Structure formats: structure tokens, C-alpha cells
Amino acid sequence: MRRTPSGLTLPDPSRRTLLRGIGGAAALGAGIPLLSACGGSGTAADPKTITLGSKASDPVPKKAFADIYAAFRKKSGLTVDVNTKDSNTFQEQINSYLQGTPDDVFTWFAGYRMQFFAAKGLATPIDDVWETIGGNFPDAMKALSKGEDGKYYFVPLYTYPWAVFYRKSLFAEKGYEVPTTWDDFLALCERMQKDGLVPIAFGDKDAWPALGTFDQLNFRKNGYEFHVDLMAGKASWTDAKVRAAFDLWAEILPFHQEGAMGRTWQDAAQTLVAKKAGMYLLGTFVAQQFTDPADLDDLDFFAFPEIDPAHGQETVEAPTDGFMLSKSPKNKAGSVELLEYLGSPEAEEIYLESDPSVVAASTKADTSAYTALQKKAYEMISGAGNLTQFMDRDSRPDFTSTVMQPALQKFIRDPKGIDALLTSIERQKKTIFASS
């Protein structure tokens, strides 16, 4: 384990053995049209253009990124040709995309998911970029940007915590108090239900939101070390500790919004906006759905409640997003220049002007304009004892996509079948993690 200057504990890259084979990950792009680079195969490189594959399809982040690229063009004279796909499609097809003719630069995630593709030779080391931008980031971000080989492969742009969101005015009107323990949380859910509210907004149509719910329950109940071991394939899904986490989930399932499989996270967020739901467990990007300034000012959050006092609320889920350089960029010089700019405080500040739902990864970015929500998010992350990235970033992407996402949806539909489900998960985990 490594301890950062701010007191954060991060796993060493060597804690997780990265599996270099394509294995089940190749299936991620099977059966659906593949992502392709902007220029297409065989297109000669334009020294004034950098192609960039992006998963930022939602309006708020899409505009924020566009503003960065426009500022970069004005400063450098180079154009960023953006190839945008919706986030789910981008993630499902990423393996085949990177093995084909990808764009020069692509948006991706820090930590294990970055390391996974770096270890397979599907990304280019960018130590030269970090010689320029290294002073802009704390040790925690540097650690999250390195591959298993110790080289840099990632430029972080922003981060954000997962927490339980609520409307301050609704809590004040109903006399609700922020729960800090599991029992208090259950009691609040019961009270909200009696008051005619949906206690917990929930939309899992895209399958990934449920991953975040399990993460919170598991590291609150079983602790950070067990959680990262489970994500790394080292702990067993049939362990009694895992069953205990699911039992806790079964306790609060009746308080979740019904029909989750047919609802996106954005639709679920709208029930919080409309005060039809009392709480919502999600990342701070939920603020993107609060388009009325008065509603946004009324939004607040609290850390997922303590379950076991031995673990308290010390672990915070704080995914970090940024950029990587593909294996054979056609315009490497321009790409390096772009990545250096993306790692600058200026680029982060431009992004945050359009998307105040996240916080800068850099310690050099100007935070004077942070909203109350951003300040609280920064405090939650900087004050955490341990940081996780999110299940689909802390484990093998093929495992989370092909096994865990459908498994958790099956659990939500039938929580009584948990034993058979966990046995199935463990069997599939062994197969996938044994692949090479």
C-alpha cells in the first residue's frame, strides 16, 4: 500500500496482476458495429489535426470538452477532430476499437482499466508528457496514471465522489436528518416511504449504476482491503462476507424505485429534481440534471452511512476520468502537445466552467469559483482514508461487463436466488481471471 501526502491510501499497481491476453474482453465488441477512427483506416496523417475518440456524449461534458479543444486550437493552431460515441457503446467496443485503427487520443478511466489496456500494448507510454505536467498533480493522481510497468499512460482531468444526494428543502420540510449509520438510513427510508416518497431513486437500464451500490455496501461492510481483493479476483464471491453485503442490499431493495431496468440514470435523477424521490446514490455528475440554478443550489449529499464501525465511512468511491494515447497515433507530435495541454490547469478550469459537477484532478487549478457542492466533493475526496475507482474500473472490464452487470440485474429482479447467483459469479470469475 502507498500513503499519499494527503493521507490517501492507494493500492500498488503490483497488487493486481494484469492479464495481458484478449480473453473474454474481445467479446466486448462482438456482434455490434465497431468504433472507428475519425480518419478511417489508411488515411494519411494531417500534421495540423489530432483525432480523438470520446465517450462524452451527454450535453454538459460534450460542451465542456468542446470548449477545451477550441481553446487548444486557438493556442496551438491544431484542430481536434472528435469522434463521439455514447458512453456505453464506447466502453463495450473499446477492446476491438483499440486493436483496430483507433483515434490518436481517446477518453478513458484511471487506475485498473487504464492498466489493463496498457499491459496489452494497446496504449503508448507518455512519460514525456508527464515531464511537462507532473508538477500539476498530487501523488494520488500520479499513482492512478501509471501502468503496471511504472510508466505513465494517462492524463487525468477531473474526479468526483459517489455519495447519497438529496434536496435540502425537502429534508427541511419533512424534518429529515442526514443518516450516518445503517440503522438510521433504514429508518429514514421507512419514513420517506410512509410520506409517499420513493426513498431511493434508481435507474439501471444501462447496467452500471448497480455496480456502485454494491461497492458502497461491500467496502462499508467488509472494508477496503477485502473489496479491492474481490475486485482483483483474489477473494471469492462465495465468501460469507459477500453474501452479507447482498443481504444488506436485500434489506433496502424494497425502498428502491421500481422498474429500474427500464430507467436510465438521467430519468431517475429527474425524480430527485421533482422531489418525488428522497435520495439518490450516484456520482456528483447527477448535478448535470439540475438545470435550474435554484434546484442546483438546493442539491446536497452525504457519505454512504456506516455499516461496520471497524470500517466507518473512511472509503470513498472517486472515479477519475482523462485521456490516453493510442498504440500507433498518426499524429504523435500533435497528440503529445494536446495531452500536455489537457494536463494543464487552464484546460481543467475551462472544463469546470461548463461542468461544475466534478472537481479538478490538478492541485494547480483555480478552485475559487467552486460551488458549495464542488467544495464538499473536494473535501470528501481529500479527507478519505481510502479511494476506490468504481467496480468497472477496479476490476477486469470483461468480468464486470459480461458477468457482474447482468448478475446484479438478476439479483435486483430476484434477490432470493443469491446463493446460486454467487456460485455462478465465482465460477465465471475463475475462468476469466485465469485467461491469458
Protein backbone atom coordinates (compact mmCIF):
# COMPACT_ATOMS: atom_id res chain seq x y z
CA MET A 1 0.00 0.00 0.00
CA ARG A 2 1.05 3.61 -0.58
CA ARG A 3 0.16 6.57 1.56
CA THR A 4 -0.11 9.91 -0.24
CA PRO A 5 0.83 13.26 1.36
CA SER A 6 -2.85 13.97 1.92
CA GLY A 7 -3.25 10.69 3.77
CA LEU A 8 -4.98 8.73 0.99
CA THR A 9 -4.22 5.02 0.76
CA LEU A 10 -3.88 3.62 -2.74
CA PRO A 11 -3.12 0.08 -3.88
CA ASP A 12 0.23 -0.50 -5.53
CA PRO A 13 -0.15 -1.34 -9.22
CA SER A 14 1.54 -4.67 -8.46
CA ARG A 15 -1.32 -5.64 -6.15
CA ARG A 16 -3.32 -6.59 -9.18
CA THR A 17 -1.90 -8.97 -11.74
CA LEU A 18 -2.91 -7.58 -15.09
CA LEU A 19 -3.86 -10.23 -17.60
CA ARG A 20 -2.43 -9.40 -20.97
CA GLY A 21 -4.44 -11.68 -23.18
CA ILE A 22 -7.52 -10.61 -25.04
CA GLY A 23 -9.56 -13.39 -23.41
CA GLY A 24 -13.18 -12.53 -22.78
CA ALA A 25 -12.54 -8.85 -23.38
CA ALA A 26 -12.56 -9.42 -27.11
CA ALA A 27 -16.22 -10.23 -26.82
CA LEU A 28 -16.98 -6.71 -25.73
CA GLY A 29 -17.15 -5.53 -29.31
CA ALA A 30 -18.73 -8.66 -30.78
CA GLY A 31 -21.97 -8.50 -32.68
CA ILE A 32 -22.24 -4.72 -32.93
CA PRO A 33 -20.76 -2.12 -35.32
CA LEU A 34 -17.30 -1.21 -34.15
CA LEU A 35 -16.00 2.17 -33.22
CA SER A 36 -13.64 3.50 -35.85
CA ALA A 37 -11.20 6.36 -36.01
CA CYS A 38 -12.28 9.69 -37.45
CA GLY A 39 -9.86 9.46 -40.34
CA GLY A 40 -10.52 5.80 -41.06
CA SER A 41 -8.02 3.12 -41.96
CA GLY A 42 -5.23 4.14 -44.32
CA THR A 43 -5.88 7.87 -44.12
CA ALA A 44 -2.67 9.92 -44.19
CA ALA A 45 -1.99 11.91 -41.07
CA ASP A 46 -2.69 15.64 -41.15
CA PRO A 47 0.01 17.35 -39.07
CA LYS A 48 -2.49 20.03 -38.09
CA THR A 49 -5.16 17.58 -36.89
CA ILE A 50 -5.35 15.22 -33.92
CA THR A 51 -8.15 12.64 -33.93
CA LEU A 52 -9.81 11.91 -30.58
CA GLY A 53 -12.23 9.15 -29.61
CA SER A 54 -14.66 10.35 -26.95
CA LYS A 55 -17.27 8.76 -24.70
CA ALA A 56 -18.57 12.20 -23.64
CA SER A 57 -21.92 12.17 -25.39
CA ASP A 58 -24.06 13.81 -22.70
CA PRO A 59 -24.64 17.53 -23.43
CA VAL A 60 -22.82 19.01 -20.42
CA PRO A 61 -19.48 17.16 -20.69
CA LYS A 62 -19.62 17.27 -24.50
CA LYS A 63 -19.77 21.06 -24.44
CA ALA A 64 -17.09 21.26 -21.74
CA PHE A 65 -14.69 19.18 -23.82
CA ALA A 66 -15.53 21.16 -26.96
CA ASP A 67 -14.58 24.35 -25.13
CA ILE A 68 -11.20 22.84 -24.22
CA TYR A 69 -10.50 21.76 -27.80
CA ALA A 70 -11.47 25.20 -29.11
CA ALA A 71 -9.08 26.87 -26.66
CA PHE A 72 -6.34 24.43 -27.64
CA ARG A 73 -6.83 25.22 -31.34
CA LYS A 74 -6.60 28.94 -30.64
CA LYS A 75 -3.40 28.42 -28.67
CA SER A 76 -1.66 25.85 -30.86
CA GLY A 77 -3.18 26.11 -34.32
CA LEU A 78 -4.01 22.40 -34.13
CA THR A 79 -7.51 21.02 -34.67
CA VAL A 80 -9.01 18.20 -32.58
CA ASP A 81 -11.27 16.04 -34.74
CA VAL A 82 -13.62 14.42 -32.23
CA ASN A 83 -15.27 11.02 -32.75
CA THR A 84 -18.02 10.85 -30.10
CA LYS A 85 -19.99 7.73 -29.16
CA ASP A 86 -22.36 7.26 -26.26
CA SER A 87 -20.52 6.14 -23.15
CA ASN A 88 -21.92 2.60 -23.01
CA THR A 89 -21.20 1.86 -26.68
CA PHE A 90 -17.70 3.29 -26.33
CA GLN A 91 -16.94 1.08 -23.34
CA GLU A 92 -18.49 -2.04 -24.87
CA GLN A 93 -16.42 -1.69 -28.05
CA ILE A 94 -13.19 -0.31 -26.60
CA ASN A 95 -11.16 -3.52 -26.89
CA SER A 96 -11.88 -4.07 -30.59
CA TYR A 97 -11.53 -0.33 -31.23
CA LEU A 98 -8.05 -0.19 -29.70
CA GLN A 99 -6.92 -3.29 -31.60
CA GLY A 100 -8.09 -1.81 -34.89
CA THR A 101 -7.31 1.70 -36.14
CA PRO A 102 -8.17 3.90 -33.16
CA ASP A 103 -8.01 7.66 -32.98
CA ASP A 104 -4.77 9.27 -31.84
CA VAL A 105 -6.07 10.09 -28.36
CA PHE A 106 -9.06 8.67 -26.51
CA THR A 107 -11.01 9.39 -23.35
CA TRP A 108 -10.76 6.72 -20.66
CA PHE A 109 -10.51 5.98 -16.94
CA ALA A 110 -7.64 5.99 -14.44
CA GLY A 111 -6.42 3.01 -12.43
CA TYR A 112 -7.01 -0.63 -13.29
CA ARG A 113 -8.93 -0.08 -16.53
CA MET A 114 -6.10 2.06 -17.88
CA GLN A 115 -3.53 -0.51 -16.72
CA PHE A 116 -5.45 -3.34 -18.37
CA PHE A 117 -5.07 -1.92 -21.88
CA ALA A 118 -1.60 -0.54 -21.25
CA ALA A 119 -0.43 -4.04 -20.28
CA LYS A 120 -1.84 -5.41 -23.54
CA GLY A 121 0.22 -2.93 -25.59
CA LEU A 122 -2.88 -1.03 -26.74
CA ALA A 123 -1.66 2.34 -25.48
CA THR A 124 1.53 4.38 -25.80
CA PRO A 125 3.54 5.42 -22.71
CA ILE A 126 3.52 9.19 -22.16
CA ASP A 127 6.38 9.75 -19.72
CA ASP A 128 7.47 12.66 -21.91
CA VAL A 129 4.10 14.34 -21.33
CA TRP A 130 4.44 13.87 -17.58
CA GLU A 131 7.85 15.55 -17.60
CA THR A 132 5.87 18.68 -18.52
CA ILE A 133 2.70 18.24 -16.46
CA GLY A 134 3.96 16.30 -13.43
CA GLY A 135 4.12 19.33 -11.14
CA ASN A 136 0.40 19.94 -11.62
CA PHE A 137 -0.76 16.78 -9.85
CA PRO A 138 -0.63 15.23 -6.37
CA ASP A 139 0.90 11.81 -5.76
CA ALA A 140 -2.55 10.18 -5.68
CA MET A 141 -3.21 11.23 -9.29
CA LYS A 142 0.28 10.25 -10.39
CA ALA A 143 -0.23 6.75 -8.97
CA LEU A 144 -3.58 6.38 -10.75
CA SER A 145 -1.95 7.38 -14.06
CA LYS A 146 0.79 4.73 -14.15
CA GLY A 147 0.74 1.31 -15.73
CA GLU A 148 1.98 -1.89 -14.12
CA ASP A 149 5.38 -1.21 -15.70
CA GLY A 150 5.71 2.09 -13.82
CA LYS A 151 5.33 4.19 -16.96
CA TYR A 152 2.68 6.88 -17.39
CA TYR A 153 -0.23 6.16 -19.72
CA PHE A 154 -2.93 8.54 -18.55
CA VAL A 155 -3.61 12.27 -18.17
CA PRO A 156 -6.29 12.90 -15.50
CA LEU A 157 -8.72 15.77 -15.99
CA TYR A 158 -11.34 15.52 -13.27
CA THR A 159 -12.60 13.37 -10.41
CA TYR A 160 -15.76 13.14 -8.36
CA PRO A 161 -17.13 11.16 -5.40
CA TRP A 162 -20.11 8.84 -5.23
CA ALA A 163 -22.48 9.76 -2.41
CA VAL A 164 -26.15 9.91 -1.44
CA PHE A 165 -27.81 13.00 -2.91
CA TYR A 166 -30.87 14.80 -1.58
CA ARG A 167 -32.78 18.09 -1.72
CA LYS A 168 -32.07 20.32 1.29
CA SER A 169 -35.50 21.94 1.15
CA LEU A 170 -37.25 18.56 1.15
CA PHE A 171 -35.30 17.39 4.20
CA ALA A 172 -36.09 20.66 5.97
CA GLU A 173 -39.78 20.48 5.05
CA LYS A 174 -40.14 16.90 6.28
CA GLY A 175 -37.82 17.21 9.25
CA TYR A 176 -35.45 14.53 7.94
CA GLU A 177 -31.92 14.26 9.33
CA VAL A 178 -28.87 13.03 7.43
CA PRO A 179 -28.24 9.41 8.48
CA THR A 180 -24.72 8.35 9.44
CA THR A 181 -25.42 4.71 10.41
CA TRP A 182 -27.16 1.84 8.66
CA ASP A 183 -30.00 1.74 11.18
CA ASP A 184 -30.61 5.46 10.75
CA PHE A 185 -30.59 5.01 6.98
CA LEU A 186 -33.19 2.21 7.14
CA ALA A 187 -35.36 4.28 9.46
CA LEU A 188 -35.21 7.25 7.09
CA CYS A 189 -36.16 5.05 4.13
CA GLU A 190 -39.19 3.76 6.03
CA ARG A 191 -40.23 7.27 6.98
CA MET A 192 -39.91 8.53 3.40
CA GLN A 193 -41.99 5.65 2.13
CA LYS A 194 -44.74 6.45 4.65
CA ASP A 195 -44.58 10.07 3.47
CA GLY A 196 -45.39 8.94 -0.08
CA LEU A 197 -41.88 9.40 -1.47
CA VAL A 198 -39.65 6.98 -3.33
CA PRO A 199 -36.89 6.64 -0.73
CA ILE A 200 -34.08 5.79 -3.19
CA ALA A 201 -34.19 6.87 -6.84
CA PHE A 202 -32.77 4.16 -9.07
CA GLY A 203 -32.25 3.60 -12.78
CA ASP A 204 -30.21 0.62 -14.01
CA LYS A 205 -31.19 0.39 -17.67
CA ASP A 206 -27.53 0.78 -18.64
CA ALA A 207 -26.49 -1.81 -16.01
CA TRP A 208 -23.61 0.15 -14.43
CA PRO A 209 -25.37 2.14 -11.65
CA ALA A 210 -25.98 -1.05 -9.63
CA LEU A 211 -22.21 -1.63 -9.55
CA GLY A 212 -21.86 1.49 -7.42
CA THR A 213 -24.47 0.30 -4.96
CA PHE A 214 -22.63 -2.98 -4.42
CA ASP A 215 -19.33 -1.16 -3.96
CA GLN A 216 -20.70 1.01 -1.16
CA LEU A 217 -22.26 -1.94 0.65
CA ASN A 218 -19.19 -4.12 0.30
CA PHE A 219 -16.50 -1.73 1.48
CA ARG A 220 -18.72 -0.36 4.25
CA LYS A 221 -19.47 -3.89 5.49
CA ASN A 222 -16.21 -5.68 4.72
CA GLY A 223 -13.59 -2.95 4.43
CA TYR A 224 -11.34 -1.56 1.72
CA GLU A 225 -8.81 -4.43 1.63
CA PHE A 226 -11.43 -7.11 1.09
CA HIS A 227 -13.14 -5.00 -1.54
CA VAL A 228 -10.03 -4.47 -3.66
CA ASP A 229 -9.11 -8.15 -3.31
CA LEU A 230 -12.59 -9.12 -4.52
CA MET A 231 -12.31 -6.75 -7.48
CA ALA A 232 -8.86 -8.14 -8.32
CA GLY A 233 -10.16 -11.71 -8.40
CA LYS A 234 -8.27 -12.70 -5.25
CA ALA A 235 -11.24 -13.10 -2.89
CA SER A 236 -14.14 -15.47 -3.55
CA TRP A 237 -17.64 -14.33 -4.46
CA THR A 238 -18.95 -17.26 -2.42
CA ASP A 239 -17.28 -15.90 0.71
CA ALA A 240 -19.78 -15.29 3.53
CA LYS A 241 -18.67 -11.65 3.56
CA VAL A 242 -20.03 -11.15 0.04
CA ARG A 243 -23.31 -12.82 0.97
CA ALA A 244 -23.56 -10.45 3.94
CA ALA A 245 -23.23 -7.43 1.63
CA PHE A 246 -26.01 -8.75 -0.59
CA ASP A 247 -28.20 -9.42 2.45
CA LEU A 248 -27.86 -5.75 3.33
CA TRP A 249 -28.82 -4.81 -0.20
CA ALA A 250 -31.88 -7.03 0.05
CA GLU A 251 -32.90 -5.02 3.12
CA ILE A 252 -33.04 -1.77 1.16
CA LEU A 253 -34.27 -3.12 -2.19
CA PRO A 254 -37.92 -2.51 -1.22
CA PHE A 255 -37.03 1.16 -0.86
CA HIS A 256 -35.53 1.40 -4.37
CA GLN A 257 -37.51 2.90 -7.22
CA GLU A 258 -39.45 0.18 -9.03
CA GLY A 259 -38.87 -0.53 -12.71
CA ALA A 260 -35.16 0.26 -12.53
CA MET A 261 -34.26 -1.89 -15.55
CA GLY A 262 -36.31 0.34 -17.82
CA ARG A 263 -34.98 3.63 -16.46
CA THR A 264 -31.75 5.49 -17.22
CA TRP A 265 -29.80 7.28 -14.51
CA GLN A 266 -30.91 10.58 -16.03
CA ASP A 267 -34.58 9.63 -15.72
CA ALA A 268 -34.03 8.56 -12.11
CA ALA A 269 -32.34 11.88 -11.41
CA GLN A 270 -35.41 13.72 -12.60
CA THR A 271 -37.45 12.16 -9.79
CA LEU A 272 -34.99 13.73 -7.34
CA VAL A 273 -35.28 17.05 -9.16
CA ALA A 274 -39.08 16.83 -8.90
CA LYS A 275 -38.91 15.86 -5.20
CA LYS A 276 -40.69 12.58 -5.92
CA ALA A 277 -37.65 10.70 -4.59
CA GLY A 278 -35.93 11.47 -1.32
CA MET A 279 -32.40 10.20 -2.04
CA TYR A 280 -30.21 9.03 -4.91
CA LEU A 281 -26.90 7.13 -4.71
CA LEU A 282 -24.73 8.28 -7.63
CA GLY A 283 -21.69 10.33 -8.58
CA THR A 284 -21.74 14.10 -8.38
CA PHE A 285 -22.41 14.19 -12.12
CA VAL A 286 -26.07 13.87 -11.10
CA ALA A 287 -25.86 17.66 -10.77
CA GLN A 288 -25.86 17.86 -14.58
CA GLN A 289 -29.58 17.05 -14.46
CA PHE A 290 -30.32 20.06 -12.23
CA THR A 291 -30.61 22.68 -14.95
CA ASP A 292 -32.50 25.26 -12.84
CA PRO A 293 -29.94 27.20 -10.72
CA ALA A 294 -32.36 27.24 -7.77
CA ASP A 295 -32.71 23.45 -7.90
CA LEU A 296 -28.96 23.02 -8.19
CA ASP A 297 -28.38 25.26 -5.18
CA ASP A 298 -30.82 23.05 -3.25
CA LEU A 299 -28.85 19.86 -4.03
CA ASP A 300 -26.66 18.36 -1.32
CA PHE A 301 -25.14 14.97 -0.46
CA PHE A 302 -23.81 12.83 2.36
CA ALA A 303 -21.42 9.89 2.56
CA PHE A 304 -23.00 6.45 2.39
CA PRO A 305 -23.73 5.51 6.03
CA GLU A 306 -21.51 3.43 8.26
CA ILE A 307 -22.35 -0.26 8.44
CA ASP A 308 -19.45 -1.70 10.46
CA PRO A 309 -17.77 0.72 12.91
CA ALA A 310 -14.45 -1.00 12.17
CA HIS A 311 -14.57 0.49 8.67
CA GLY A 312 -16.66 3.59 9.31
CA GLN A 313 -17.04 5.89 6.31
CA GLU A 314 -13.33 6.06 5.50
CA THR A 315 -13.52 4.67 1.96
CA VAL A 316 -14.74 6.97 -0.82
CA GLU A 317 -15.52 5.93 -4.39
CA ALA A 318 -13.89 8.62 -6.53
CA PRO A 319 -13.59 7.74 -10.23
CA THR A 320 -11.09 9.77 -12.25
CA ASP A 321 -11.54 10.49 -15.97
CA GLY A 322 -8.99 11.63 -18.51
CA PHE A 323 -7.10 10.73 -21.69
CA MET A 324 -4.76 8.13 -23.17
CA LEU A 325 -2.58 7.91 -26.28
CA SER A 326 -3.38 5.02 -28.63
CA LYS A 327 -0.83 2.39 -29.64
CA SER A 328 0.16 3.92 -33.02
CA PRO A 329 -1.02 7.54 -33.21
CA LYS A 330 -0.80 9.01 -36.70
CA ASN A 331 -0.01 12.44 -35.33
CA LYS A 332 2.10 11.67 -32.29
CA ALA A 333 3.72 15.11 -32.03
CA GLY A 334 0.36 16.85 -32.11
CA SER A 335 -1.09 14.30 -29.69
CA VAL A 336 1.69 14.93 -27.18
CA GLU A 337 1.06 18.67 -27.44
CA LEU A 338 -2.66 18.09 -26.87
CA LEU A 339 -2.06 15.83 -23.86
CA GLU A 340 0.28 18.40 -22.32
CA TYR A 341 -2.45 20.98 -22.70
CA LEU A 342 -5.08 18.64 -21.26
CA GLY A 343 -2.84 18.22 -18.21
CA SER A 344 -2.68 21.96 -17.63
CA PRO A 345 -4.66 23.94 -15.02
CA GLU A 346 -6.03 26.05 -17.88
CA ALA A 347 -7.73 23.08 -19.54
CA GLU A 348 -9.25 21.93 -16.25
CA GLU A 349 -10.57 25.39 -15.48
CA ILE A 350 -12.21 25.59 -18.90
CA TYR A 351 -13.87 22.22 -18.35
CA LEU A 352 -15.15 23.17 -14.89
CA GLU A 353 -16.78 26.34 -16.24
CA SER A 354 -19.25 24.18 -18.15
CA ASP A 355 -19.41 21.19 -15.81
CA PRO A 356 -19.45 22.21 -12.13
CA SER A 357 -20.49 18.68 -11.09
CA VAL A 358 -16.87 17.49 -10.80
CA VAL A 359 -13.60 18.72 -9.31
CA ALA A 360 -10.20 19.21 -10.89
CA ALA A 361 -7.62 16.43 -10.68
CA SER A 362 -4.85 19.03 -10.58
CA THR A 363 -3.82 20.86 -7.42
CA LYS A 364 -2.87 23.88 -9.56
CA ALA A 365 -6.35 24.55 -10.97
CA ASP A 366 -8.14 27.63 -9.65
CA THR A 367 -10.84 26.48 -7.21
CA SER A 368 -12.07 29.94 -6.18
CA ALA A 369 -15.17 29.55 -8.34
CA TYR A 370 -16.10 26.16 -6.88
CA THR A 371 -19.74 25.80 -5.90
CA ALA A 372 -20.65 24.60 -2.43
CA LEU A 373 -21.21 21.16 -3.96
CA GLN A 374 -17.72 21.10 -5.50
CA LYS A 375 -16.09 22.24 -2.28
CA LYS A 376 -17.83 19.48 -0.38
CA ALA A 377 -16.83 16.93 -3.04
CA TYR A 378 -13.20 18.02 -2.82
CA GLU A 379 -13.28 17.77 0.97
CA MET A 380 -14.79 14.28 0.82
CA ILE A 381 -12.10 13.02 -1.55
CA SER A 382 -9.15 14.72 0.14
CA GLY A 383 -10.32 13.56 3.57
CA ALA A 384 -10.82 9.93 2.60
CA GLY A 385 -8.77 7.17 4.19
CA ASN A 386 -9.01 5.04 1.03
CA LEU A 387 -10.09 5.70 -2.54
CA THR A 388 -11.73 3.28 -4.94
CA GLN A 389 -12.44 3.90 -8.61
CA PHE A 390 -15.76 2.05 -9.20
CA MET A 391 -16.30 -1.63 -9.88
CA ASP A 392 -15.99 -1.47 -13.66
CA ARG A 393 -12.71 0.40 -13.24
CA ASP A 394 -11.31 -1.56 -10.29
CA SER A 395 -11.69 -4.95 -11.96
CA ARG A 396 -11.26 -6.56 -15.37
CA PRO A 397 -13.56 -4.82 -17.84
CA ASP A 398 -14.63 -8.13 -19.40
CA PHE A 399 -15.58 -9.52 -15.99
CA THR A 400 -17.66 -6.51 -14.95
CA SER A 401 -19.34 -6.17 -18.34
CA THR A 402 -20.15 -9.79 -19.14
CA VAL A 403 -20.62 -11.17 -15.63
CA MET A 404 -21.30 -8.57 -12.96
CA GLN A 405 -23.65 -6.23 -14.78
CA PRO A 406 -26.16 -8.96 -15.76
CA ALA A 407 -25.67 -10.71 -12.40
CA LEU A 408 -26.59 -7.64 -10.39
CA GLN A 409 -29.63 -7.01 -12.56
CA LYS A 410 -30.67 -10.62 -11.94
CA PHE A 411 -30.26 -10.06 -8.20
CA ILE A 412 -32.42 -6.94 -8.31
CA ARG A 413 -35.15 -8.93 -10.04
CA ASP A 414 -34.79 -11.97 -7.75
CA PRO A 415 -32.88 -11.33 -4.51
CA LYS A 416 -33.88 -14.76 -3.15
CA GLY A 417 -31.68 -16.54 -5.70
CA ILE A 418 -28.47 -15.05 -4.32
CA ASP A 419 -26.63 -18.27 -3.40
CA ALA A 420 -26.89 -19.77 -6.88
CA LEU A 421 -26.01 -16.39 -8.36
CA LEU A 422 -22.83 -16.02 -6.30
CA THR A 423 -21.77 -19.55 -7.21
CA SER A 424 -22.22 -18.67 -10.89
CA ILE A 425 -20.27 -15.42 -10.49
CA GLU A 426 -17.36 -17.21 -8.82
CA ARG A 427 -17.25 -19.91 -11.50
CA GLN A 428 -17.16 -17.35 -14.30
CA LYS A 429 -14.63 -15.20 -12.42
CA LYS A 430 -12.20 -18.12 -12.19
CA THR A 431 -12.46 -18.72 -15.92
CA ILE A 432 -11.97 -15.07 -16.89
CA PHE A 433 -9.17 -14.29 -14.44
CA ALA A 434 -7.35 -17.48 -15.44
CA SER A 435 -7.31 -16.44 -19.11
CA SER A 436 -4.08 -15.12 -20.54
